Amino acid sequence: MKHLQENLGGVFQKIYEKWLTRVFLLALGAVFLLPAFLYYLLNRKNSAYKSELAAIRLGFKADGTQKAVAEEVRAHVEKKFLFFRSGPAFQAEPDAGPVDVAPPLENAKAGQGIEKEVARLLEVRLDEMAKVKLRKESPGLGDVTFAAYVSNLLQRGGVFACFVVFGFPAFLFLLLMGQPFLKYTFERLVMMVFVVFGVTFLVFTILYISPMDASYNILGDLATDAQRAQFNAAYGLDKPYLEQLWRAFKGIATLHPGKSLMGGQEVMAQLANKFPITLRVTFFSLALAVAIAVPAGIFSALRPYSVWDYLIMLLALIGLSIPAFWFGMLLILEFSITLHWLPSIFLPGNLKVYVMPAIVMGTGLSASIARMTRSSMLEVIHQDYIVTAKAKGLPAGTVILRHALGNAMIPIVTIIGLDFGAMMAGATVAEKVFSIPGIGSWLIDKQFIPDTPAVLAGVVYIAIIVSVVNLVVDLLYALLDPRIKAKIKLG
């Protein structure tokens, strides 16, 4: 229990330094922390730090330091006062005649102003001198902050029990933030919330100022002005900008962005139906790309500048250059129309429909992954630890797969994560060519209306997917590189 109290006290001080985690901590533990803060304010003046400062100030008064400093401050203030009273601003005009100005030090008001300024500056100077002397004599003694005060309180058994009972949400939050990876994940998820609402604001604003009229595009040319006004009123499109923006924020926060302007279907239901389709296409495409690209990149790196290396890189360049729509048309002509092996359009429940989209999308992905694997492996295989592993007589497969590939995986994982996020955002061309009812083709159709609830939900979905994939990639970094893992623990 003592170890837990010390650990939570340290975690409290650490996360209290950051404003974001401080807000969560104060909100979750307000029942306990508010009385603690009031008690801290009442007792702070009686702290050892304040007592030591007061003792040093008394010492200054006893040994004559205060008197010497007061004389120095008074001389400085009087010089400054005389300079400004005799400056150009107080000189008479050339033709104004003599000016009756009393001597500065004989003026009663001036004397009172000098005394107030001397007292103020003397207090500041003595306080600074006392703090400097205290830091030299007692470097471990400082003004107790609220975070340090609460940390000390948590070391007491009774206070800790009260914290667990009355501040239980904050107690769980401290336990969570005490785990480095959970803390890192939580901070990234909180930042994701700001990203989502930022994206919502930008997309909604762009759609709002767009010249496209949803009622005109949906109802057609023959619709009357009254029918269009009725349509806008039904979907709230006639409301002011701020009211519509607030409704958009509320819909995203409650996972109920509303109904589609075309068809009146629930947007979340449409996303839920299309998400599994896009996920399957992405998974099959990425699996095919990784299965082809990583071995090809390793093989090319082990034989640099050879015929095989040039051939693999040539194929990778061709894969990057082939237009997806043209490649998809060729596959449909050959395997669907000529050989009748694969369906050319999407058929629910038939896994064969994913073969050609996976080939089309995986070809471009495998090209970029193969090039990254080759360049990353070339940087690693000539390192000293690889030479040492070979000199120890380790099998070539162990050296390549365990030592070389393991240390070259970070750039490879990065590009795989970026490609996965991009495909989950919607491989529009492939979905259009193969008539796949996925996220990408659905979003393209909606944005030309513009179907504001559907477009907002789709773009926010893309932002969430990209953020989650980036988070997973960052966590994989820690598993692949112990140095990154150590940084996360220290952070």
Protein backbone atom coordinates (compact mmCIF):
# COMPACT_ATOMS: atom_id res chain seq x y z
CA MET A 1 0.00 0.00 0.00
CA LYS A 2 2.84 2.39 0.84
CA HIS A 3 4.37 1.79 -2.58
CA LEU A 4 1.01 2.51 -4.25
CA GLN A 5 0.64 5.77 -2.29
CA GLU A 6 4.14 6.94 -3.27
CA ASN A 7 3.57 5.94 -6.88
CA LEU A 8 0.24 7.77 -7.15
CA GLY A 9 1.72 10.84 -5.45
CA GLY A 10 4.49 10.98 -8.03
CA VAL A 11 2.04 10.45 -10.88
CA PHE A 12 -0.15 13.26 -9.52
CA GLN A 13 2.75 15.75 -9.59
CA LYS A 14 3.85 14.63 -13.05
CA ILE A 15 0.49 14.87 -14.81
CA TYR A 16 -0.49 18.07 -12.96
CA GLU A 17 2.22 19.90 -14.92
CA LYS A 18 0.35 19.44 -18.24
CA TRP A 19 -2.79 21.50 -18.68
CA LEU A 20 -4.72 18.82 -20.55
CA THR A 21 -4.30 16.07 -17.94
CA ARG A 22 -4.69 18.68 -15.18
CA VAL A 23 -8.18 19.54 -16.46
CA PHE A 24 -9.23 15.88 -16.42
CA LEU A 25 -7.71 15.36 -12.98
CA LEU A 26 -9.43 18.38 -11.42
CA ALA A 27 -12.76 17.51 -13.02
CA LEU A 28 -12.69 13.87 -11.89
CA GLY A 29 -11.44 14.56 -8.36
CA ALA A 30 -13.21 17.85 -7.62
CA VAL A 31 -14.98 16.44 -4.53
CA PHE A 32 -11.62 15.69 -2.89
CA LEU A 33 -9.34 18.27 -4.50
CA LEU A 34 -11.47 21.34 -3.81
CA PRO A 35 -11.31 20.98 0.02
CA ALA A 36 -7.62 20.08 -0.34
CA PHE A 37 -7.00 23.28 -2.29
CA LEU A 38 -8.79 25.42 0.31
CA TYR A 39 -6.77 23.78 3.08
CA TYR A 40 -3.61 24.38 1.04
CA LEU A 41 -4.39 28.10 0.74
CA LEU A 42 -5.01 28.41 4.48
CA ASN A 43 -1.80 26.64 5.49
CA ARG A 44 0.57 27.86 2.80
CA LYS A 45 1.53 30.98 4.78
CA ASN A 46 2.66 28.85 7.69
CA SER A 47 4.88 26.62 5.59
CA ALA A 48 8.55 26.11 6.38
CA TYR A 49 9.48 28.04 3.27
CA LYS A 50 7.60 31.15 4.41
CA SER A 51 9.03 30.81 7.91
CA GLU A 52 12.58 30.64 6.63
CA LEU A 53 12.03 33.67 4.40
CA ALA A 54 10.68 35.64 7.34
CA ALA A 55 13.69 34.65 9.46
CA ILE A 56 16.09 35.82 6.78
CA ARG A 57 14.23 39.13 6.51
CA LEU A 58 14.60 39.63 10.27
CA GLY A 59 18.30 38.90 9.90
CA PHE A 60 18.59 41.61 7.26
CA LYS A 61 17.01 44.06 9.68
CA ALA A 62 19.29 43.05 12.54
CA ASP A 63 22.62 43.17 10.70
CA GLY A 64 21.95 46.48 8.95
CA THR A 65 21.45 45.05 5.47
CA GLN A 66 17.92 46.42 5.24
CA LYS A 67 19.13 49.95 6.13
CA ALA A 68 21.90 49.87 3.54
CA VAL A 69 19.56 48.61 0.84
CA ALA A 70 17.00 51.27 1.79
CA GLU A 71 19.57 54.03 1.37
CA GLU A 72 20.64 52.64 -2.00
CA VAL A 73 17.04 52.39 -3.20
CA ARG A 74 16.24 55.93 -1.97
CA ALA A 75 19.22 57.38 -3.82
CA HIS A 76 18.17 55.59 -6.99
CA VAL A 77 14.54 56.79 -6.74
CA GLU A 78 15.54 60.40 -6.04
CA LYS A 79 17.88 60.46 -9.03
CA LYS A 80 15.18 59.06 -11.28
CA PHE A 81 12.61 61.53 -9.94
CA LEU A 82 14.95 64.51 -10.43
CA PHE A 83 15.77 63.38 -13.96
CA PHE A 84 12.16 63.16 -15.08
CA ARG A 85 11.11 66.43 -13.30
CA SER A 86 13.93 68.35 -14.96
CA GLY A 87 13.55 66.73 -18.36
CA PRO A 88 12.33 68.34 -21.61
CA ALA A 89 8.71 67.70 -20.76
CA PHE A 90 8.94 70.08 -17.81
CA GLN A 91 10.86 72.88 -19.62
CA ALA A 92 9.03 76.13 -20.32
CA GLU A 93 8.05 77.11 -23.81
CA PRO A 94 10.41 79.69 -25.40
CA ASP A 95 7.84 82.49 -25.40
CA ALA A 96 5.83 81.47 -22.33
CA GLY A 97 7.80 83.47 -19.78
CA PRO A 98 8.98 82.20 -16.39
CA VAL A 99 7.34 79.12 -14.91
CA ASP A 100 6.84 78.83 -11.18
CA VAL A 101 7.84 75.27 -10.32
CA ALA A 102 8.55 74.28 -6.73
CA PRO A 103 11.78 72.40 -5.99
CA PRO A 104 11.03 68.70 -6.36
CA LEU A 105 12.23 67.60 -2.91
CA GLU A 106 10.33 70.38 -1.15
CA ASN A 107 7.03 69.48 -2.74
CA ALA A 108 4.83 67.55 -0.29
CA LYS A 109 3.14 65.44 -2.96
CA ALA A 110 6.48 64.64 -4.54
CA GLY A 111 7.82 63.56 -1.18
CA GLN A 112 4.91 61.18 -0.63
CA GLY A 113 5.39 59.68 -4.08
CA ILE A 114 9.09 59.10 -3.38
CA GLU A 115 8.35 57.38 -0.08
CA LYS A 116 5.81 55.02 -1.67
CA GLU A 117 8.19 54.12 -4.48
CA VAL A 118 11.08 53.55 -2.05
CA ALA A 119 8.92 51.27 0.11
CA ARG A 120 7.74 49.27 -2.90
CA LEU A 121 11.19 48.78 -4.40
CA LEU A 122 12.72 48.00 -0.99
CA GLU A 123 10.18 45.22 -0.43
CA VAL A 124 10.88 43.72 -3.86
CA ARG A 125 14.66 43.93 -3.42
CA LEU A 126 14.68 42.38 0.07
CA ASP A 127 12.35 39.59 -1.04
CA GLU A 128 14.61 38.71 -3.96
CA MET A 129 17.71 38.78 -1.74
CA ALA A 130 16.00 36.54 0.83
CA LYS A 131 15.01 33.97 -1.82
CA VAL A 132 18.53 33.92 -3.28
CA LYS A 133 20.06 33.41 0.17
CA LEU A 134 17.54 30.68 1.01
CA ARG A 135 18.32 28.80 -2.23
CA LYS A 136 22.05 28.90 -1.38
CA GLU A 137 21.65 27.84 2.25
CA SER A 138 18.78 25.32 1.78
CA PRO A 139 18.63 24.20 -1.87
CA GLY A 140 16.07 21.47 -1.09
CA LEU A 141 13.60 23.87 0.50
CA GLY A 142 11.16 25.63 -1.82
CA ASP A 143 7.70 27.05 -1.95
CA VAL A 144 5.30 24.10 -1.77
CA THR A 145 3.13 23.84 -4.88
CA PHE A 146 -0.40 22.48 -4.80
CA ALA A 147 0.69 19.34 -6.65
CA ALA A 148 3.47 18.66 -4.13
CA TYR A 149 1.09 19.43 -1.28
CA VAL A 150 -1.49 16.88 -2.49
CA SER A 151 1.29 14.37 -3.16
CA ASN A 152 2.38 14.67 0.47
CA LEU A 153 -1.22 14.34 1.65
CA LEU A 154 -1.63 11.08 -0.27
CA GLN A 155 1.19 9.56 1.76
CA ARG A 156 -1.06 9.60 4.84
CA GLY A 157 -3.23 6.53 5.20
CA GLY A 158 -6.42 8.28 6.26
CA VAL A 159 -6.20 10.96 3.59
CA PHE A 160 -5.45 8.34 0.95
CA ALA A 161 -8.54 6.37 1.98
CA CYS A 162 -10.65 9.54 1.67
CA PHE A 163 -9.17 10.15 -1.77
CA VAL A 164 -10.10 6.64 -2.90
CA VAL A 165 -13.66 7.02 -1.61
CA PHE A 166 -14.50 10.62 -2.55
CA GLY A 167 -12.19 10.95 -5.55
CA PHE A 168 -12.57 7.47 -6.98
CA PRO A 169 -12.71 8.63 -10.66
CA ALA A 170 -9.50 10.60 -10.11
CA PHE A 171 -7.98 7.54 -8.38
CA LEU A 172 -8.71 5.39 -11.44
CA PHE A 173 -7.36 8.15 -13.67
CA LEU A 174 -4.07 8.20 -11.72
CA LEU A 175 -3.82 4.40 -12.00
CA LEU A 176 -4.36 4.73 -15.76
CA MET A 177 -1.81 7.52 -16.15
CA GLY A 178 0.69 5.52 -14.10
CA GLN A 179 0.98 3.03 -16.97
CA PRO A 180 3.19 4.62 -19.68
CA PHE A 181 1.52 2.99 -22.68
CA LEU A 182 -2.00 3.59 -21.38
CA LYS A 183 -1.06 7.20 -20.63
CA TYR A 184 0.37 7.63 -24.12
CA THR A 185 -2.72 6.08 -25.68
CA PHE A 186 -5.07 8.23 -23.60
CA GLU A 187 -3.28 11.45 -24.58
CA ARG A 188 -3.44 10.52 -28.26
CA LEU A 189 -7.14 9.68 -27.99
CA VAL A 190 -7.84 13.05 -26.37
CA MET A 191 -5.95 14.79 -29.18
CA MET A 192 -8.04 12.76 -31.62
CA VAL A 193 -11.17 14.37 -30.19
CA PHE A 194 -9.79 17.82 -31.06
CA VAL A 195 -8.87 16.57 -34.53
CA VAL A 196 -12.40 15.24 -35.11
CA PHE A 197 -14.10 18.49 -34.09
CA GLY A 198 -11.56 20.54 -36.04
CA VAL A 199 -12.26 18.51 -39.15
CA THR A 200 -16.00 18.84 -38.56
CA PHE A 201 -15.72 22.63 -38.31
CA LEU A 202 -13.65 22.95 -41.49
CA VAL A 203 -15.73 20.58 -43.60
CA PHE A 204 -19.05 22.03 -42.47
CA THR A 205 -17.86 25.60 -43.12
CA ILE A 206 -16.67 24.69 -46.61
CA LEU A 207 -19.97 22.99 -47.40
CA TYR A 208 -21.93 25.91 -45.97
CA ILE A 209 -20.23 28.52 -48.13
CA SER A 210 -20.27 26.25 -51.17
CA PRO A 211 -22.38 27.59 -54.06
CA MET A 212 -23.97 24.16 -54.59
CA ASP A 213 -27.60 23.90 -53.55
CA ALA A 214 -28.71 20.53 -52.18
CA SER A 215 -32.41 21.25 -52.74
CA TYR A 216 -31.80 22.14 -56.40
CA ASN A 217 -29.66 19.03 -57.05
CA ILE A 218 -32.07 16.65 -55.29
CA LEU A 219 -35.47 18.05 -56.33
CA GLY A 220 -34.42 18.93 -59.87
CA ASP A 221 -35.06 21.85 -62.19
CA LEU A 222 -38.86 21.54 -62.11
CA ALA A 223 -39.17 22.10 -58.36
CA THR A 224 -40.79 25.38 -57.30
CA ASP A 225 -39.33 27.84 -54.82
CA ALA A 226 -41.94 26.79 -52.27
CA GLN A 227 -40.93 23.13 -52.59
CA ARG A 228 -37.27 24.00 -52.16
CA ALA A 229 -38.04 26.15 -49.13
CA GLN A 230 -40.05 23.28 -47.65
CA PHE A 231 -37.14 20.90 -48.30
CA ASN A 232 -34.64 23.24 -46.61
CA ALA A 233 -36.95 23.69 -43.62
CA ALA A 234 -37.43 19.94 -43.25
CA TYR A 235 -33.68 19.32 -42.98
CA GLY A 236 -32.80 22.53 -41.13
CA LEU A 237 -30.84 23.99 -44.04
CA ASP A 238 -32.56 27.36 -43.60
CA LYS A 239 -31.18 27.83 -40.08
CA PRO A 240 -28.33 30.28 -39.29
CA TYR A 241 -24.73 29.12 -39.62
CA LEU A 242 -24.00 28.80 -35.91
CA GLU A 243 -27.17 26.81 -35.25
CA GLN A 244 -26.36 24.36 -38.04
CA LEU A 245 -22.74 24.10 -36.86
CA TRP A 246 -23.85 23.33 -33.31
CA ARG A 247 -26.21 20.66 -34.63
CA ALA A 248 -23.32 19.14 -36.61
CA PHE A 249 -21.08 19.06 -33.51
CA LYS A 250 -23.90 17.54 -31.46
CA GLY A 251 -24.56 14.88 -34.10
CA ILE A 252 -20.88 13.87 -34.26
CA ALA A 253 -20.57 13.78 -30.46
CA THR A 254 -23.71 11.65 -30.01
CA LEU A 255 -22.94 9.38 -33.00
CA HIS A 256 -26.19 10.52 -34.61
CA PRO A 257 -25.24 12.84 -37.49
CA GLY A 258 -28.80 12.73 -38.81
CA LYS A 259 -30.48 11.54 -41.97
CA SER A 260 -29.15 11.70 -45.48
CA LEU A 261 -30.64 14.49 -47.58
CA MET A 262 -31.11 12.03 -50.44
CA GLY A 263 -33.33 9.13 -49.42
CA GLY A 264 -33.78 10.13 -45.78
CA GLN A 265 -31.82 7.13 -44.47
CA GLU A 266 -29.83 7.26 -41.25
CA VAL A 267 -26.22 8.16 -42.06
CA MET A 268 -24.75 5.93 -39.33
CA ALA A 269 -26.69 2.95 -40.68
CA GLN A 270 -25.25 3.57 -44.14
CA LEU A 271 -21.72 3.83 -42.74
CA ALA A 272 -22.21 0.64 -40.73
CA ASN A 273 -23.25 -1.22 -43.91
CA LYS A 274 -20.34 0.06 -45.99
CA PHE A 275 -17.56 -0.15 -43.42
CA PRO A 276 -17.20 -3.99 -43.47
CA ILE A 277 -16.97 -3.97 -47.27
CA THR A 278 -14.18 -1.40 -47.34
CA LEU A 279 -12.43 -3.21 -44.46
CA ARG A 280 -12.39 -6.51 -46.36
CA VAL A 281 -11.07 -4.91 -49.55
CA THR A 282 -8.37 -3.11 -47.59
CA PHE A 283 -7.35 -6.19 -45.63
CA PHE A 284 -7.05 -8.43 -48.69
CA SER A 285 -5.19 -5.75 -50.65
CA LEU A 286 -2.73 -5.04 -47.86
CA ALA A 287 -2.14 -8.72 -47.14
CA LEU A 288 -1.36 -9.34 -50.79
CA ALA A 289 0.93 -6.31 -50.96
CA VAL A 290 2.91 -7.25 -47.85
CA ALA A 291 3.22 -10.89 -48.92
CA ILE A 292 4.75 -9.82 -52.24
CA ALA A 293 6.61 -6.62 -51.36
CA VAL A 294 8.55 -7.49 -48.19
CA PRO A 295 10.25 -10.64 -49.58
CA ALA A 296 10.92 -8.83 -52.87
CA GLY A 297 12.46 -5.87 -51.05
CA ILE A 298 14.66 -8.11 -48.90
CA PHE A 299 15.80 -10.13 -51.92
CA SER A 300 16.59 -6.94 -53.82
CA ALA A 301 18.57 -5.49 -50.88
CA LEU A 302 20.67 -8.68 -50.53
CA ARG A 303 21.69 -8.43 -54.19
CA PRO A 304 22.01 -4.69 -54.78
CA TYR A 305 22.65 -3.46 -58.32
CA SER A 306 22.28 -6.95 -59.74
CA VAL A 307 19.99 -8.05 -62.55
CA TRP A 308 17.40 -9.23 -60.01
CA ASP A 309 17.58 -5.92 -58.18
CA TYR A 310 16.99 -3.91 -61.34
CA LEU A 311 14.18 -6.26 -62.41
CA ILE A 312 12.34 -6.00 -59.08
CA MET A 313 12.67 -2.22 -58.95
CA LEU A 314 11.48 -2.01 -62.58
CA LEU A 315 8.39 -4.03 -61.71
CA ALA A 316 7.84 -1.80 -58.66
CA LEU A 317 8.05 1.29 -60.84
CA ILE A 318 5.59 -0.23 -63.30
CA GLY A 319 3.25 -1.06 -60.41
CA LEU A 320 3.35 2.54 -59.22
CA SER A 321 2.75 3.85 -62.74
CA ILE A 322 -0.19 1.68 -63.80
CA PRO A 323 -3.49 3.60 -63.54
CA ALA A 324 -5.85 1.71 -61.26
CA PHE A 325 -8.91 2.21 -63.47
CA TRP A 326 -7.07 0.92 -66.58
CA PHE A 327 -5.65 -2.11 -64.75
CA GLY A 328 -9.09 -2.89 -63.33
CA MET A 329 -10.66 -2.76 -66.80
CA LEU A 330 -8.04 -5.20 -68.11
CA LEU A 331 -8.76 -7.65 -65.31
CA ILE A 332 -12.50 -7.42 -65.94
CA LEU A 333 -12.04 -8.04 -69.67
CA GLU A 334 -9.78 -11.03 -69.10
CA PHE A 335 -11.11 -12.80 -65.99
CA SER A 336 -14.78 -11.81 -66.11
CA ILE A 337 -15.78 -11.39 -69.75
CA THR A 338 -13.30 -13.77 -71.47
CA LEU A 339 -12.61 -16.53 -68.92
CA HIS A 340 -15.73 -16.12 -66.73
CA TRP A 341 -13.67 -16.91 -63.64
CA LEU A 342 -14.52 -13.90 -61.48
CA PRO A 343 -17.60 -11.66 -61.16
CA SER A 344 -17.21 -8.17 -62.59
CA ILE A 345 -19.61 -6.51 -60.15
CA PHE A 346 -20.10 -6.73 -56.42
CA LEU A 347 -22.13 -9.71 -55.19
CA PRO A 348 -22.82 -9.85 -51.41
CA GLY A 349 -21.55 -13.03 -49.79
CA ASN A 350 -19.24 -13.99 -52.66
CA LEU A 351 -15.55 -13.69 -51.68
CA LYS A 352 -14.48 -13.87 -55.33
CA VAL A 353 -15.56 -10.26 -55.77
CA TYR A 354 -12.56 -9.17 -53.65
CA VAL A 355 -9.92 -10.88 -55.80
CA MET A 356 -9.58 -8.33 -58.59
CA PRO A 357 -9.91 -5.23 -56.35
CA ALA A 358 -7.23 -6.70 -54.09
CA ILE A 359 -4.93 -7.20 -57.08
CA VAL A 360 -5.52 -3.70 -58.42
CA MET A 361 -5.02 -1.96 -55.07
CA GLY A 362 -2.31 -4.34 -53.86
CA THR A 363 -0.16 -3.76 -56.94
CA GLY A 364 0.40 -0.09 -56.20
CA LEU A 365 0.88 -0.76 -52.50
CA SER A 366 3.37 -3.59 -53.05
CA ALA A 367 5.47 -1.31 -55.26
CA SER A 368 5.87 1.39 -52.60
CA ILE A 369 6.40 -1.13 -49.78
CA ALA A 370 9.03 -3.04 -51.79
CA ARG A 371 11.00 0.14 -52.47
CA MET A 372 10.87 1.15 -48.82
CA THR A 373 11.90 -2.36 -47.69
CA ARG A 374 14.88 -2.35 -50.03
CA SER A 375 16.15 1.08 -48.95
CA SER A 376 15.65 0.33 -45.25
CA MET A 377 17.40 -3.04 -45.47
CA LEU A 378 20.33 -1.50 -47.35
CA GLU A 379 20.88 0.91 -44.45
CA VAL A 380 20.88 -1.92 -41.91
CA ILE A 381 22.79 -4.85 -43.46
CA HIS A 382 26.09 -2.95 -43.45
CA GLN A 383 25.92 -1.99 -39.78
CA ASP A 384 28.54 -3.28 -37.35
CA TYR A 385 26.16 -5.49 -35.39
CA ILE A 386 25.21 -7.34 -38.59
CA VAL A 387 28.89 -7.95 -39.35
CA THR A 388 29.35 -9.16 -35.77
CA ALA A 389 26.39 -11.53 -36.05
CA LYS A 390 27.85 -13.01 -39.23
CA ALA A 391 31.29 -13.32 -37.63
CA LYS A 392 29.76 -15.30 -34.75
CA GLY A 393 28.59 -17.87 -37.26
CA LEU A 394 24.86 -17.30 -36.98
CA PRO A 395 22.79 -18.75 -39.83
CA ALA A 396 22.14 -16.34 -42.68
CA GLY A 397 18.38 -16.61 -42.21
CA THR A 398 18.66 -15.63 -38.53
CA VAL A 399 20.89 -12.68 -39.34
CA ILE A 400 18.55 -11.39 -42.04
CA LEU A 401 15.17 -12.03 -40.46
CA ARG A 402 15.94 -11.38 -36.81
CA HIS A 403 18.73 -8.82 -36.71
CA ALA A 404 18.48 -6.98 -40.04
CA LEU A 405 14.73 -7.05 -40.75
CA GLY A 406 13.81 -6.42 -37.12
CA ASN A 407 15.81 -3.18 -37.09
CA ALA A 408 14.61 -2.14 -40.54
CA MET A 409 10.91 -2.55 -39.77
CA ILE A 410 10.11 0.96 -38.51
CA PRO A 411 10.06 2.65 -41.96
CA ILE A 412 8.25 -0.38 -43.39
CA VAL A 413 5.60 -0.31 -40.67
CA THR A 414 5.21 3.43 -41.23
CA ILE A 415 4.41 3.14 -44.91
CA ILE A 416 2.15 0.12 -44.33
CA GLY A 417 0.20 2.11 -41.72
CA LEU A 418 -0.13 5.12 -44.00
CA ASP A 419 -1.30 2.94 -46.90
CA PHE A 420 -3.80 1.14 -44.69
CA GLY A 421 -5.25 4.43 -43.46
CA ALA A 422 -5.46 5.77 -47.02
CA MET A 423 -7.27 2.66 -48.26
CA MET A 424 -9.68 2.62 -45.32
CA ALA A 425 -10.47 6.21 -46.22
CA GLY A 426 -11.76 4.79 -49.46
CA ALA A 427 -10.11 3.46 -52.59
CA THR A 428 -12.51 5.40 -54.77
CA VAL A 429 -11.22 4.38 -58.18
CA ALA A 430 -11.23 0.64 -57.47
CA GLU A 431 -14.65 0.82 -55.84
CA LYS A 432 -16.07 2.66 -58.82
CA VAL A 433 -14.51 0.29 -61.38
CA PHE A 434 -15.75 -2.86 -59.65
CA SER A 435 -19.07 -1.36 -58.44
CA ILE A 436 -18.13 -1.92 -54.79
CA PRO A 437 -20.52 -0.09 -52.43
CA GLY A 438 -17.73 1.05 -50.09
CA ILE A 439 -16.97 4.23 -48.20
CA GLY A 440 -15.01 5.90 -50.99
CA SER A 441 -17.56 5.64 -53.79
CA TRP A 442 -20.40 6.48 -51.39
CA LEU A 443 -18.64 9.63 -50.19
CA ILE A 444 -17.85 10.78 -53.72
CA ASP A 445 -21.51 10.49 -54.69
CA LYS A 446 -22.63 12.42 -51.62
CA GLN A 447 -20.25 15.34 -51.90
CA PHE A 448 -21.58 16.53 -55.25
CA ILE A 449 -25.11 17.07 -53.88
CA PRO A 450 -23.82 18.17 -51.26
CA ASP A 451 -25.32 15.82 -48.68
CA THR A 452 -23.96 17.60 -45.61
CA PRO A 453 -24.74 14.99 -42.88
CA ALA A 454 -23.34 12.16 -45.00
CA VAL A 455 -20.21 14.05 -46.05
CA LEU A 456 -19.52 15.16 -42.48
CA ALA A 457 -19.91 11.63 -41.13
CA GLY A 458 -17.74 10.19 -43.90
CA VAL A 459 -14.92 12.71 -43.45
CA VAL A 460 -14.98 12.31 -39.67
CA TYR A 461 -14.83 8.54 -40.20
CA ILE A 462 -11.72 9.03 -42.34
CA ALA A 463 -10.12 11.27 -39.69
CA ILE A 464 -10.80 8.71 -36.97
CA ILE A 465 -9.45 5.82 -39.04
CA VAL A 466 -6.25 7.68 -39.92
CA SER A 467 -5.73 8.76 -36.30
CA VAL A 468 -6.28 5.24 -34.95
CA VAL A 469 -3.93 3.72 -37.52
CA ASN A 470 -1.25 6.28 -36.66
CA LEU A 471 -1.69 5.46 -32.97
CA VAL A 472 -1.29 1.74 -33.63
CA VAL A 473 1.82 2.41 -35.73
CA ASP A 474 3.33 4.51 -32.93
CA LEU A 475 2.69 1.72 -30.42
CA LEU A 476 4.26 -0.79 -32.78
CA TYR A 477 7.36 1.40 -32.85
CA ALA A 478 7.82 0.73 -29.13
CA LEU A 479 7.57 -3.03 -29.69
CA LEU A 480 10.14 -2.89 -32.48
CA ASP A 481 12.62 -0.42 -30.96
CA PRO A 482 13.44 -0.52 -27.21
CA ARG A 483 14.76 3.06 -27.39
CA ILE A 484 11.31 4.37 -28.36
CA LYS A 485 9.77 2.25 -25.61
CA ALA A 486 12.10 3.88 -23.10
CA LYS A 487 11.14 7.36 -24.33
CA ILE A 488 7.44 6.61 -23.90
CA LYS A 489 8.07 5.41 -20.32
CA LEU A 490 10.07 8.54 -19.52
CA GLY A 491 7.43 10.78 -21.10
